Amino acid sequence: MTGHAPPAVRPVVTGVGVLSAAGSGLGALAEATAHGKGAFGTVTRFDVSGRRTTRAALLPEPVPLAEAVLTAVDEACRQAGLAAGPADGSPAGRTGGRPVGRQAGRGTAAATGPADGTPGPEDRGLPVLLALHSDLRTRAVAGAVAAGVAAWGAAGVTRIYTGACVAAGTAVADAAALVATGRHPRVLVAAGHLVEPGVFAAFDAGRALARDGELRPFSAGRSGTLLGDAAAAVVIEAEPVAERRGAPVLARLAGWGRTGDAHHVCRPEPDGEGAARAIDAALGRAGLDPADIGYVNANGTGSPLADRAEASALRRVFGTRADRVPVSSSKGVHGHALEASALLELAVTIAALNHGRLPVNAGWLGADPDVGLDLVLDGPRAARPRYALSLNSAFGGANTALLVAAR
């Protein structure tokens, strides 16, 4: 446990939008992950004939990245019951608010509005936090997204997150903090990643991709990850605000934690200490104990070293109960979507809590004695846990933990 206290204003998720290799919408993704139906196929959008691995999880219909992100945004905002319309003319509306780094770093809501989430003077305009891969096209994609989100009352993209595989998880944590401290009644988080030749070549050259073309989280015989397309968006808002307007509450963000262990530029810290601290921070912020957690959607990339380190982190947190907490990685179905992974997997976790079906840990060949977890195998597991963790880690030792409470 940490010294964090539960937030005064409870952040809730009122809208989720998803595009993945499983299809359009959260329903298609939830069905595929519940039954472990992998969405991998041979890459055809660029030449992979010279690569060791030729498979990835691709969208059924190729679309430009900004279009994919805006499709997810529209779905999330419509589900949340938001009214379409241009951003207002207030200073906050014109700028999208002050820089998120300053907002999330303050522990008080005194300067911006009541702690019950009632809109204050800086609450006009919808902040948009966007996670993307950093390359020469990032600015253009962000610009196209900024133009598109104006339809939902946003004045552009407030902040862009490019922190590799924890980018979207960091954005969600910042959004939750903005809502929990009363800085904004509502925040939109969006993320997108499409499998493209440059990143694919880099992962293949680094021998990070699965040699047998199958992503096998925590399994004996796993040989690496596989990349996947994804676009996702969530609307996070203050619970009192959602209640007043009759918005659907899909789940609550009970806690969040972020750490950096800086162990190695790409290898994980073997004992999982950094990831365990992120989980502890999320538990502390929620005022919960490890015994309260009923499911873990693990990072589970299929990497021999990373999966072993994550299992070590879970054993540090759960102790002797580690082999009785259901765990699975949904990446075995939708692939590794890099900067969009955490948002896609948060959506999977929300669906699991709402439907009472824990996703299958796909690609399983057999037990790895160094893992020792209660993996969900052979079909969806019927369960309705009150709380679940969604975990992500990135090169450089960054870790995020999002603690989700059922609605």
Protein backbone atom coordinates (compact mmCIF):
# COMPACT_ATOMS: atom_id res chain seq x y z
CA MET A 1 0.00 0.00 0.00
CA THR A 2 1.09 3.58 -0.61
CA GLY A 3 0.26 6.92 0.91
CA HIS A 4 -2.22 7.80 -1.85
CA ALA A 5 -5.82 8.46 -0.80
CA PRO A 6 -8.92 7.61 -2.84
CA PRO A 7 -9.89 10.53 -5.10
CA ALA A 8 -12.48 13.00 -3.83
CA VAL A 9 -14.21 12.90 -7.23
CA ARG A 10 -14.58 9.42 -8.68
CA PRO A 11 -13.64 9.19 -12.39
CA VAL A 12 -15.94 6.95 -14.42
CA VAL A 13 -15.90 5.73 -18.02
CA THR A 14 -19.05 6.67 -19.89
CA GLY A 15 -18.05 5.89 -23.48
CA VAL A 16 -15.76 3.42 -25.25
CA GLY A 17 -14.94 3.27 -28.95
CA VAL A 18 -12.79 0.59 -30.56
CA LEU A 19 -11.41 -0.49 -33.92
CA SER A 20 -9.27 -3.62 -33.90
CA ALA A 21 -8.37 -6.61 -36.00
CA ALA A 22 -11.39 -8.33 -34.43
CA GLY A 23 -13.66 -5.79 -36.13
CA SER A 24 -15.47 -2.56 -35.38
CA GLY A 25 -16.78 -1.88 -31.90
CA LEU A 26 -16.18 -3.21 -28.42
CA GLY A 27 -18.63 -6.05 -28.93
CA ALA A 28 -16.52 -7.69 -31.62
CA LEU A 29 -13.35 -7.32 -29.55
CA ALA A 30 -15.04 -8.64 -26.40
CA GLU A 31 -16.30 -11.71 -28.24
CA ALA A 32 -12.90 -12.47 -29.78
CA THR A 33 -10.97 -12.03 -26.52
CA ALA A 34 -13.50 -14.00 -24.47
CA HIS A 35 -13.04 -17.01 -26.74
CA GLY A 36 -9.37 -16.54 -27.60
CA LYS A 37 -10.00 -16.10 -31.32
CA GLY A 38 -6.73 -14.76 -32.66
CA ALA A 39 -7.00 -12.17 -35.44
CA PHE A 40 -3.58 -12.73 -36.99
CA GLY A 41 -2.84 -13.17 -40.67
CA THR A 42 -0.13 -12.65 -43.24
CA VAL A 43 0.77 -8.99 -43.72
CA THR A 44 -0.20 -7.84 -47.21
CA ARG A 45 -0.16 -4.03 -46.95
CA PHE A 46 3.64 -3.98 -47.41
CA ASP A 47 6.34 -6.43 -48.45
CA VAL A 48 7.36 -8.86 -45.69
CA SER A 49 9.00 -11.47 -47.90
CA GLY A 50 12.43 -10.73 -46.41
CA ARG A 51 11.30 -10.86 -42.76
CA ARG A 52 11.64 -13.65 -40.23
CA THR A 53 8.02 -13.14 -39.23
CA THR A 54 5.27 -12.25 -41.68
CA ARG A 55 2.15 -12.11 -39.48
CA ALA A 56 0.27 -9.37 -37.64
CA ALA A 57 -3.28 -8.52 -36.54
CA LEU A 58 -4.63 -6.06 -39.11
CA LEU A 59 -7.89 -4.15 -39.46
CA PRO A 60 -10.32 -5.94 -41.79
CA GLU A 61 -10.52 -2.79 -43.91
CA PRO A 62 -7.45 -0.52 -44.09
CA VAL A 63 -8.07 3.13 -43.20
CA PRO A 64 -5.78 6.10 -42.51
CA LEU A 65 -4.72 6.35 -38.87
CA ALA A 66 -6.47 9.65 -38.15
CA GLU A 67 -9.69 8.31 -39.65
CA ALA A 68 -9.45 5.19 -37.48
CA VAL A 69 -8.92 7.27 -34.34
CA LEU A 70 -11.83 9.59 -35.16
CA THR A 71 -14.09 6.60 -35.79
CA ALA A 72 -13.30 5.37 -32.28
CA VAL A 73 -13.79 8.89 -30.87
CA ASP A 74 -17.21 9.22 -32.49
CA GLU A 75 -18.30 5.86 -31.08
CA ALA A 76 -17.11 6.73 -27.57
CA CYS A 77 -18.70 10.19 -27.55
CA ARG A 78 -22.02 8.92 -28.88
CA GLN A 79 -22.12 6.15 -26.30
CA ALA A 80 -21.37 8.71 -23.59
CA GLY A 81 -24.34 10.75 -24.80
CA LEU A 82 -22.30 13.85 -25.55
CA ALA A 83 -23.83 16.56 -27.67
CA ALA A 84 -22.00 17.33 -30.89
CA GLY A 85 -21.03 20.95 -31.41
CA PRO A 86 -18.08 23.29 -31.87
CA ALA A 87 -15.80 24.26 -29.03
CA ASP A 88 -16.92 27.35 -27.17
CA GLY A 89 -15.18 30.68 -27.42
CA SER A 90 -13.82 30.78 -23.90
CA PRO A 91 -10.07 30.88 -23.31
CA ALA A 92 -10.15 27.28 -22.13
CA GLY A 93 -12.21 26.30 -25.15
CA ARG A 94 -9.80 28.01 -27.57
CA THR A 95 -6.70 26.40 -26.07
CA GLY A 96 -8.05 23.08 -24.86
CA GLY A 97 -7.00 24.01 -21.32
CA ARG A 98 -3.60 24.56 -19.73
CA PRO A 99 -0.85 22.00 -20.37
CA VAL A 100 -1.83 18.63 -18.94
CA GLY A 101 1.50 18.19 -17.20
CA ARG A 102 0.70 21.17 -14.96
CA GLN A 103 -2.89 20.10 -14.41
CA ALA A 104 -2.14 16.52 -13.46
CA GLY A 105 0.73 17.50 -11.23
CA ARG A 106 -1.34 19.59 -8.81
CA GLY A 107 -3.07 17.84 -5.94
CA THR A 108 -5.83 20.40 -5.37
CA ALA A 109 -8.96 21.52 -7.15
CA ALA A 110 -9.31 24.77 -5.20
CA ALA A 111 -8.36 27.07 -8.07
CA THR A 112 -10.59 25.50 -10.69
CA GLY A 113 -13.90 24.39 -9.27
CA PRO A 114 -15.66 22.46 -6.51
CA ALA A 115 -14.33 19.01 -5.63
CA ASP A 116 -17.67 17.38 -6.44
CA GLY A 117 -16.99 17.71 -10.15
CA THR A 118 -19.33 20.65 -10.72
CA PRO A 119 -18.04 22.58 -13.74
CA GLY A 120 -15.86 25.53 -12.82
CA PRO A 121 -14.55 28.41 -14.91
CA GLU A 122 -11.84 26.30 -16.54
CA ASP A 123 -14.11 23.39 -17.35
CA ARG A 124 -15.37 24.65 -20.69
CA GLY A 125 -14.02 22.85 -23.70
CA LEU A 126 -13.20 19.16 -23.85
CA PRO A 127 -9.54 18.24 -23.19
CA VAL A 128 -8.25 15.59 -25.61
CA LEU A 129 -5.28 13.40 -24.68
CA LEU A 130 -3.92 11.51 -27.68
CA ALA A 131 -1.42 8.59 -27.74
CA LEU A 132 0.46 8.03 -30.99
CA HIS A 133 3.71 6.58 -32.25
CA SER A 134 6.38 9.23 -32.67
CA ASP A 135 7.51 9.56 -36.29
CA LEU A 136 7.55 12.07 -39.13
CA ARG A 137 3.77 11.81 -39.52
CA THR A 138 2.78 12.35 -35.90
CA ARG A 139 2.14 16.07 -36.34
CA ALA A 140 -0.06 15.53 -39.40
CA VAL A 141 -2.08 12.76 -37.74
CA ALA A 142 -2.54 14.84 -34.59
CA GLY A 143 -3.64 17.79 -36.71
CA ALA A 144 -6.27 15.71 -38.49
CA VAL A 145 -7.53 14.36 -35.16
CA ALA A 146 -7.62 17.89 -33.73
CA ALA A 147 -9.81 19.03 -36.61
CA GLY A 148 -12.13 16.06 -36.20
CA VAL A 149 -12.69 16.30 -32.44
CA ALA A 150 -14.03 19.84 -32.87
CA ALA A 151 -17.34 18.14 -33.68
CA TRP A 152 -17.50 17.12 -30.00
CA GLY A 153 -16.71 20.48 -28.46
CA ALA A 154 -12.94 20.14 -28.29
CA ALA A 155 -10.65 22.92 -29.44
CA GLY A 156 -7.91 20.56 -30.57
CA VAL A 157 -5.55 18.03 -29.03
CA THR A 158 -4.44 19.09 -25.57
CA ARG A 159 -1.46 16.76 -25.30
CA ILE A 160 0.21 14.02 -27.35
CA TYR A 161 1.69 10.96 -25.65
CA THR A 162 4.46 9.04 -27.42
CA GLY A 163 5.80 7.01 -24.49
CA ALA A 164 5.89 3.67 -26.31
CA CYS A 165 3.73 0.87 -24.92
CA VAL A 166 2.56 2.81 -21.84
CA ALA A 167 1.57 5.95 -23.79
CA ALA A 168 -2.18 5.40 -23.61
CA GLY A 169 -1.98 4.14 -20.02
CA THR A 170 -0.19 7.34 -19.01
CA ALA A 171 -2.85 9.37 -20.82
CA VAL A 172 -5.64 7.56 -18.97
CA ALA A 173 -3.90 8.17 -15.63
CA ASP A 174 -3.57 11.87 -16.45
CA ALA A 175 -7.21 12.05 -17.50
CA ALA A 176 -8.31 10.35 -14.28
CA ALA A 177 -6.22 12.82 -12.27
CA LEU A 178 -7.70 15.81 -14.11
CA VAL A 179 -11.21 14.59 -13.29
CA ALA A 180 -10.43 13.41 -9.74
CA THR A 181 -8.95 16.77 -8.75
CA GLY A 182 -11.86 18.74 -10.21
CA ARG A 183 -9.84 20.37 -12.99
CA HIS A 184 -12.22 19.13 -15.68
CA PRO A 185 -15.56 17.36 -15.50
CA ARG A 186 -14.76 15.32 -18.58
CA VAL A 187 -11.71 14.27 -20.62
CA LEU A 188 -11.45 12.38 -23.90
CA VAL A 189 -8.55 9.93 -24.30
CA ALA A 190 -7.78 8.51 -27.73
CA ALA A 191 -5.02 6.37 -29.19
CA GLY A 192 -4.09 4.73 -32.46
CA HIS A 193 -1.48 2.49 -34.03
CA LEU A 194 -1.33 0.87 -37.44
CA VAL A 195 1.22 -1.77 -38.38
CA GLU A 196 3.63 -0.12 -40.79
CA PRO A 197 6.86 -1.24 -42.50
CA GLY A 198 9.36 0.77 -40.45
CA VAL A 199 8.31 -0.41 -37.00
CA PHE A 200 7.66 -3.93 -38.29
CA ALA A 201 11.19 -4.08 -39.72
CA ALA A 202 12.71 -2.76 -36.47
CA PHE A 203 10.89 -5.33 -34.34
CA ASP A 204 11.76 -8.11 -36.76
CA ALA A 205 15.44 -7.11 -36.93
CA GLY A 206 15.55 -6.99 -33.13
CA ARG A 207 14.14 -10.54 -32.98
CA ALA A 208 11.20 -9.30 -30.93
CA LEU A 209 8.55 -10.89 -33.17
CA ALA A 210 7.38 -14.46 -32.65
CA ARG A 211 9.30 -16.81 -34.91
CA ASP A 212 6.38 -19.23 -35.24
CA GLY A 213 3.88 -16.50 -36.07
CA GLU A 214 1.86 -16.96 -32.86
CA LEU A 215 1.72 -14.70 -29.82
CA ARG A 216 1.77 -17.01 -26.76
CA PRO A 217 1.63 -14.98 -23.52
CA PHE A 218 3.16 -16.74 -20.49
CA SER A 219 3.29 -20.05 -22.38
CA ALA A 220 6.13 -22.50 -22.64
CA GLY A 221 7.67 -22.18 -26.10
CA ARG A 222 6.77 -18.50 -26.54
CA SER A 223 9.19 -16.70 -28.84
CA GLY A 224 8.05 -13.10 -29.05
CA THR A 225 5.21 -10.73 -29.79
CA LEU A 226 3.17 -9.88 -32.87
CA LEU A 227 2.06 -6.37 -33.81
CA GLY A 228 -1.55 -5.28 -34.20
CA ASP A 229 -3.68 -2.44 -35.55
CA ALA A 230 -5.87 -0.57 -33.10
CA ALA A 231 -7.70 2.67 -32.50
CA ALA A 232 -9.52 3.30 -29.25
CA ALA A 233 -11.13 6.13 -27.33
CA VAL A 234 -12.70 6.52 -23.89
CA VAL A 235 -14.67 9.31 -22.27
CA ILE A 236 -13.69 9.75 -18.62
CA GLU A 237 -15.77 12.04 -16.44
CA ALA A 238 -16.68 12.91 -12.88
CA GLU A 239 -19.26 10.54 -11.46
CA PRO A 240 -21.58 13.35 -10.22
CA VAL A 241 -21.52 14.97 -13.67
CA ALA A 242 -22.35 11.66 -15.36
CA GLU A 243 -25.17 11.03 -12.91
CA ARG A 244 -26.70 14.48 -13.40
CA ARG A 245 -26.96 14.05 -17.16
CA GLY A 246 -28.00 10.39 -17.00
CA ALA A 247 -24.91 9.14 -18.82
CA PRO A 248 -24.19 5.40 -18.89
CA VAL A 249 -21.44 4.40 -16.45
CA LEU A 250 -19.49 1.49 -17.94
CA ALA A 251 -16.86 1.26 -15.22
CA ARG A 252 -14.99 3.34 -12.66
CA LEU A 253 -11.29 4.14 -12.60
CA ALA A 254 -10.65 3.31 -8.96
CA GLY A 255 -6.86 3.76 -9.04
CA TRP A 256 -3.82 4.25 -11.24
CA GLY A 257 -0.09 3.97 -10.82
CA ARG A 258 3.01 4.76 -12.88
CA THR A 259 6.65 3.89 -12.28
CA GLY A 260 9.96 3.84 -14.08
CA ASP A 261 12.64 1.34 -13.10
CA ALA A 262 15.21 2.35 -15.77
CA HIS A 263 16.71 -1.13 -15.57
CA HIS A 264 17.71 -1.40 -19.24
CA VAL A 265 16.88 0.25 -22.55
CA CYS A 266 14.77 -2.74 -23.65
CA ARG A 267 15.11 -5.60 -21.15
CA PRO A 268 12.66 -5.72 -18.23
CA GLU A 269 13.72 -5.65 -14.61
CA PRO A 270 13.84 -9.42 -13.90
CA ASP A 271 12.26 -9.33 -10.44
CA GLY A 272 9.38 -7.09 -11.53
CA GLU A 273 9.93 -4.57 -8.75
CA GLY A 274 9.04 -1.54 -10.89
CA ALA A 275 5.81 -3.04 -12.20
CA ALA A 276 4.89 -4.14 -8.67
CA ARG A 277 5.31 -0.57 -7.42
CA ALA A 278 2.91 0.66 -10.12
CA ILE A 279 0.30 -1.87 -8.97
CA ASP A 280 0.86 -0.90 -5.33
CA ALA A 281 0.34 2.76 -6.24
CA ALA A 282 -2.94 1.96 -8.00
CA LEU A 283 -4.12 -0.09 -5.02
CA GLY A 284 -3.14 2.65 -2.60
CA ARG A 285 -4.93 5.33 -4.57
CA ALA A 286 -8.06 3.16 -4.60
CA GLY A 287 -7.76 2.32 -0.90
CA LEU A 288 -7.77 -1.40 -1.71
CA ASP A 289 -5.71 -4.46 -0.84
CA PRO A 290 -4.39 -7.09 -3.28
CA ALA A 291 -7.07 -9.49 -2.00
CA ASP A 292 -9.73 -7.22 -3.55
CA ILE A 293 -8.50 -7.87 -7.12
CA GLY A 294 -10.43 -10.55 -9.00
CA TYR A 295 -8.79 -10.40 -12.45
CA VAL A 296 -5.61 -9.15 -14.10
CA ASN A 297 -5.43 -8.24 -17.80
CA ALA A 298 -1.67 -8.57 -18.01
CA ASN A 299 0.77 -6.86 -20.35
CA GLY A 300 1.78 -10.35 -21.55
CA THR A 301 3.62 -9.60 -24.80
CA GLY A 302 4.81 -13.15 -25.42
CA SER A 303 8.43 -12.17 -24.80
CA PRO A 304 10.26 -14.85 -22.77
CA LEU A 305 11.93 -12.25 -20.53
CA ALA A 306 9.07 -9.76 -20.23
CA ASP A 307 6.43 -12.35 -19.35
CA ARG A 308 8.67 -13.87 -16.70
CA ALA A 309 9.35 -10.45 -15.18
CA GLU A 310 5.65 -9.61 -15.12
CA ALA A 311 4.86 -12.91 -13.41
CA SER A 312 7.47 -12.00 -10.80
CA ALA A 313 5.78 -8.63 -10.29
CA LEU A 314 2.41 -10.29 -9.73
CA ARG A 315 3.92 -12.70 -7.21
CA ARG A 316 5.45 -9.72 -5.35
CA VAL A 317 2.01 -8.09 -5.13
CA PHE A 318 -0.22 -11.10 -4.47
CA GLY A 319 2.19 -13.31 -2.55
CA THR A 320 0.83 -16.80 -1.90
CA ARG A 321 -2.43 -15.83 -3.61
CA ALA A 322 -0.70 -15.28 -6.97
CA ASP A 323 -1.70 -18.69 -8.28
CA ARG A 324 -5.38 -18.05 -7.47
CA VAL A 325 -5.94 -14.69 -9.17
CA PRO A 326 -7.22 -15.16 -12.76
CA VAL A 327 -4.77 -13.71 -15.29
CA SER A 328 -4.75 -13.44 -19.07
CA SER A 329 -3.21 -11.29 -21.76
CA SER A 330 -5.59 -10.25 -24.52
CA LYS A 331 -2.63 -9.54 -26.83
CA GLY A 332 -2.81 -13.20 -27.87
CA VAL A 333 -5.98 -12.18 -29.76
CA HIS A 334 -5.50 -8.58 -30.98
CA GLY A 335 -1.72 -8.30 -31.06
CA HIS A 336 0.55 -5.64 -29.60
CA ALA A 337 -0.75 -2.21 -30.59
CA LEU A 338 2.20 -0.35 -29.02
CA GLU A 339 1.10 3.20 -28.05
CA ALA A 340 -2.58 2.19 -28.31
CA SER A 341 -2.21 -1.04 -26.32
CA ALA A 342 -3.19 0.25 -22.89
CA LEU A 343 -6.39 1.88 -24.12
CA LEU A 344 -7.40 -1.17 -26.16
CA GLU A 345 -6.75 -3.43 -23.18
CA LEU A 346 -8.63 -1.11 -20.81
CA ALA A 347 -11.61 -1.56 -23.14
CA VAL A 348 -11.17 -5.36 -22.99
CA THR A 349 -11.06 -5.20 -19.18
CA ILE A 350 -14.23 -3.09 -19.00
CA ALA A 351 -16.02 -5.55 -21.29
CA ALA A 352 -14.88 -8.50 -19.14
CA LEU A 353 -16.26 -6.89 -15.98
CA ASN A 354 -19.55 -5.98 -17.61
CA HIS A 355 -20.14 -9.30 -19.37
CA GLY A 356 -18.86 -11.58 -16.63
CA ARG A 357 -16.48 -13.37 -19.02
CA LEU A 358 -12.74 -13.30 -18.40
CA PRO A 359 -10.73 -13.32 -21.66
CA VAL A 360 -8.80 -16.40 -22.70
CA ASN A 361 -5.00 -16.37 -22.62
CA ALA A 362 -4.68 -17.45 -26.27
CA GLY A 363 -1.78 -19.25 -27.93
CA TRP A 364 -1.17 -21.59 -25.00
CA LEU A 365 1.17 -24.56 -25.52
CA GLY A 366 2.00 -25.56 -21.95
CA ALA A 367 3.06 -24.34 -18.53
CA ASP A 368 6.25 -22.39 -17.94
CA PRO A 369 7.47 -23.28 -14.44
CA ASP A 370 8.84 -19.75 -14.01
CA VAL A 371 5.37 -18.21 -14.45
CA GLY A 372 3.12 -20.00 -11.96
CA LEU A 373 -0.07 -17.95 -12.53
CA ASP A 374 -3.76 -18.89 -12.72
CA LEU A 375 -4.09 -18.34 -16.46
CA VAL A 376 -7.51 -18.33 -18.10
CA LEU A 377 -7.38 -21.22 -20.60
CA ASP A 378 -9.77 -23.33 -22.69
CA GLY A 379 -12.62 -20.85 -23.09
CA PRO A 380 -13.94 -17.80 -21.28
CA ARG A 381 -14.15 -18.09 -17.50
CA ALA A 382 -17.45 -17.03 -15.98
CA ALA A 383 -16.73 -14.57 -13.17
CA ARG A 384 -17.90 -11.17 -11.96
CA PRO A 385 -15.00 -9.65 -10.05
CA ARG A 386 -15.56 -6.28 -8.43
CA TYR A 387 -12.09 -5.03 -9.33
CA ALA A 388 -9.59 -5.77 -12.11
CA LEU A 389 -6.13 -4.56 -13.07
CA SER A 390 -5.01 -3.65 -16.58
CA LEU A 391 -1.20 -3.59 -16.80
CA ASN A 392 1.29 -2.30 -19.37
CA SER A 393 5.05 -1.96 -19.58
CA ALA A 394 7.39 -0.38 -22.11
CA PHE A 395 11.01 -0.31 -23.17
CA GLY A 396 13.09 1.77 -20.81
CA GLY A 397 11.37 0.38 -17.72
CA ALA A 398 8.10 2.35 -17.77
CA ASN A 399 5.08 0.69 -16.14
CA THR A 400 1.40 1.62 -15.76
CA ALA A 401 -1.36 0.00 -13.74
CA LEU A 402 -5.02 0.93 -14.15
CA LEU A 403 -7.41 -0.38 -11.50
CA VAL A 404 -10.92 -0.75 -12.85
CA ALA A 405 -14.06 -1.16 -10.76
CA ALA A 406 -17.22 -2.77 -12.15
CA ARG A 407 -20.15 -0.42 -12.64
